[in-house]
Amino acid sequence: MGDIAARIESKLQKAFTPTTLTVTDDSHLHAGHAGARPGGQSHFTVDIAASRFDGLNRVARHRLVNEALAEELAGPVHALVIRARGSTE
């Protein structure tokens, strides 16, 4: 796991104490496209389930994840796919 993926995972663990969390670096799928960096670590997918998302709609869940990762989204992360679920989904 790269440095940025590890940072994403650490921040999401701390913010949400998820029951499941997978961070996937998809940068290799975007090589040569806008926002892609030579070293990768620019495009990610986050699959997360946490009780904090219970009762929230998809937009609210995405906002919470975006807030937790604001620093990364302002810098090295060009694109982030978020799959956020409540703990009972």
C-alpha atoms as a PDB file:
ATOM      1  CA  MET A   1       0.000   0.000   0.000  1.00  0.00           C
ATOM      2  CA  GLY A   2       1.339   3.418  -0.950  1.00  0.00           C
ATOM      3  CA  ASP A   3       1.814   6.323   1.424  1.00  0.00           C
ATOM      4  CA  ILE A   4      -1.314   8.169   0.324  1.00  0.00           C
ATOM      5  CA  ALA A   5      -3.513   5.065   0.491  1.00  0.00           C
ATOM      6  CA  ALA A   6      -2.188   4.385   3.988  1.00  0.00           C
ATOM      7  CA  ARG A   7      -2.978   7.976   5.004  1.00  0.00           C
ATOM      8  CA  ILE A   8      -6.505   7.657   3.608  1.00  0.00           C
ATOM      9  CA  GLU A   9      -7.040   4.395   5.487  1.00  0.00           C
ATOM     10  CA  SER A  10      -5.668   5.821   8.735  1.00  0.00           C
ATOM     11  CA  LYS A  11      -7.844   8.940   8.593  1.00  0.00           C
ATOM     12  CA  LEU A  12     -10.997   6.980   7.788  1.00  0.00           C
ATOM     13  CA  GLN A  13     -10.290   4.467  10.573  1.00  0.00           C
ATOM     14  CA  LYS A  14      -9.885   7.317  13.038  1.00  0.00           C
ATOM     15  CA  ALA A  15     -12.915   9.293  11.841  1.00  0.00           C
ATOM     16  CA  PHE A  16     -15.442   6.452  11.494  1.00  0.00           C
ATOM     17  CA  THR A  17     -14.195   3.258  13.208  1.00  0.00           C
ATOM     18  CA  PRO A  18     -15.612   1.302  10.265  1.00  0.00           C
ATOM     19  CA  THR A  19     -16.743  -2.309  10.350  1.00  0.00           C
ATOM     20  CA  THR A  20     -15.219  -2.706   6.877  1.00  0.00           C
ATOM     21  CA  LEU A  21     -12.777  -0.528   4.981  1.00  0.00           C
ATOM     22  CA  THR A  22     -10.968  -1.112   1.717  1.00  0.00           C
ATOM     23  CA  VAL A  23      -8.837   1.521   0.002  1.00  0.00           C
ATOM     24  CA  THR A  24      -7.870   0.665  -3.575  1.00  0.00           C
ATOM     25  CA  ASP A  25      -5.347   2.601  -5.656  1.00  0.00           C
ATOM     26  CA  ASP A  26      -6.880   2.800  -9.152  1.00  0.00           C
ATOM     27  CA  SER A  27      -4.195   5.108 -10.554  1.00  0.00           C
ATOM     28  CA  HIS A  28      -2.900   2.548 -13.043  1.00  0.00           C
ATOM     29  CA  LEU A  29      -6.294   2.666 -14.777  1.00  0.00           C
ATOM     30  CA  HIS A  30      -5.866   6.393 -15.405  1.00  0.00           C
ATOM     31  CA  ALA A  31      -2.260   6.580 -16.623  1.00  0.00           C
ATOM     32  CA  GLY A  32      -1.958   9.335 -19.215  1.00  0.00           C
ATOM     33  CA  HIS A  33      -5.254  10.962 -18.248  1.00  0.00           C
ATOM     34  CA  ALA A  34      -5.742  14.351 -16.622  1.00  0.00           C
ATOM     35  CA  GLY A  35      -4.727  14.389 -12.986  1.00  0.00           C
ATOM     36  CA  ALA A  36      -2.648  11.221 -13.231  1.00  0.00           C
ATOM     37  CA  ARG A  37       0.801  11.543 -11.716  1.00  0.00           C
ATOM     38  CA  PRO A  38       3.848   9.613 -12.914  1.00  0.00           C
ATOM     39  CA  GLY A  39       4.176   7.837  -9.556  1.00  0.00           C
ATOM     40  CA  GLY A  40       0.475   6.995  -9.313  1.00  0.00           C
ATOM     41  CA  GLN A  41      -1.399   7.420  -6.025  1.00  0.00           C
ATOM     42  CA  SER A  42      -3.825   9.914  -7.532  1.00  0.00           C
ATOM     43  CA  HIS A  43      -7.046   7.898  -8.107  1.00  0.00           C
ATOM     44  CA  PHE A  44      -8.655   5.823  -5.341  1.00  0.00           C
ATOM     45  CA  THR A  45     -11.761   3.851  -4.468  1.00  0.00           C
ATOM     46  CA  VAL A  46     -12.917   3.746  -0.848  1.00  0.00           C
ATOM     47  CA  ASP A  47     -15.372   1.061   0.225  1.00  0.00           C
ATOM     48  CA  ILE A  48     -16.458   1.746   3.806  1.00  0.00           C
ATOM     49  CA  ALA A  49     -19.219   0.626   6.165  1.00  0.00           C
ATOM     50  CA  ALA A  50     -19.704   2.350   9.508  1.00  0.00           C
ATOM     51  CA  SER A  51     -22.463   2.995  12.014  1.00  0.00           C
ATOM     52  CA  ARG A  52     -21.815   6.746  11.582  1.00  0.00           C
ATOM     53  CA  PHE A  53     -23.509   6.435   8.174  1.00  0.00           C
ATOM     54  CA  ASP A  54     -26.671   4.792   9.529  1.00  0.00           C
ATOM     55  CA  GLY A  55     -29.731   6.802   8.543  1.00  0.00           C
ATOM     56  CA  LEU A  56     -27.802   9.135   6.230  1.00  0.00           C
ATOM     57  CA  ASN A  57     -28.382   9.431   2.510  1.00  0.00           C
ATOM     58  CA  ARG A  58     -25.584   8.920  -0.010  1.00  0.00           C
ATOM     59  CA  VAL A  59     -24.785  12.635  -0.351  1.00  0.00           C
ATOM     60  CA  ALA A  60     -24.419  13.082   3.424  1.00  0.00           C
ATOM     61  CA  ARG A  61     -22.168  10.004   3.638  1.00  0.00           C
ATOM     62  CA  HIS A  62     -19.960  11.290   0.823  1.00  0.00           C
ATOM     63  CA  ARG A  63     -19.706  14.707   2.459  1.00  0.00           C
ATOM     64  CA  LEU A  64     -18.463  13.134   5.690  1.00  0.00           C
ATOM     65  CA  VAL A  65     -15.806  11.137   3.843  1.00  0.00           C
ATOM     66  CA  ASN A  66     -14.772  14.206   1.825  1.00  0.00           C
ATOM     67  CA  GLU A  67     -14.446  16.239   5.036  1.00  0.00           C
ATOM     68  CA  ALA A  68     -12.272  13.566   6.637  1.00  0.00           C
ATOM     69  CA  LEU A  69     -10.018  13.529   3.555  1.00  0.00           C
ATOM     70  CA  ALA A  70     -10.038  17.263   2.770  1.00  0.00           C
ATOM     71  CA  GLU A  71      -6.248  17.556   2.911  1.00  0.00           C
ATOM     72  CA  GLU A  72      -5.711  14.682   0.470  1.00  0.00           C
ATOM     73  CA  LEU A  73      -8.445  15.895  -1.894  1.00  0.00           C
ATOM     74  CA  ALA A  74      -6.849  19.344  -1.974  1.00  0.00           C
ATOM     75  CA  GLY A  75      -3.483  17.892  -2.931  1.00  0.00           C
ATOM     76  CA  PRO A  76      -2.354  14.516  -4.153  1.00  0.00           C
ATOM     77  CA  VAL A  77      -5.745  12.836  -4.734  1.00  0.00           C
ATOM     78  CA  HIS A  78      -7.266  13.720  -8.090  1.00  0.00           C
ATOM     79  CA  ALA A  79     -10.265  11.380  -7.980  1.00  0.00           C
ATOM     80  CA  LEU A  80     -12.051   9.424  -5.265  1.00  0.00           C
ATOM     81  CA  VAL A  81     -14.821   6.879  -5.730  1.00  0.00           C
ATOM     82  CA  ILE A  82     -16.763   6.478  -2.484  1.00  0.00           C
ATOM     83  CA  ARG A  83     -18.908   3.488  -1.632  1.00  0.00           C
ATOM     84  CA  ALA A  84     -20.207   4.277   1.864  1.00  0.00           C
ATOM     85  CA  ARG A  85     -22.756   2.131   3.683  1.00  0.00           C
ATOM     86  CA  GLY A  86     -24.284   2.068   7.110  1.00  0.00           C
ATOM     87  CA  SER A  87     -23.417  -0.755   9.486  1.00  0.00           C
ATOM     88  CA  THR A  88     -26.605  -2.692   8.771  1.00  0.00           C
ATOM     89  CA  GLU A  89     -26.509  -2.522   4.965  1.00  0.00           C
END
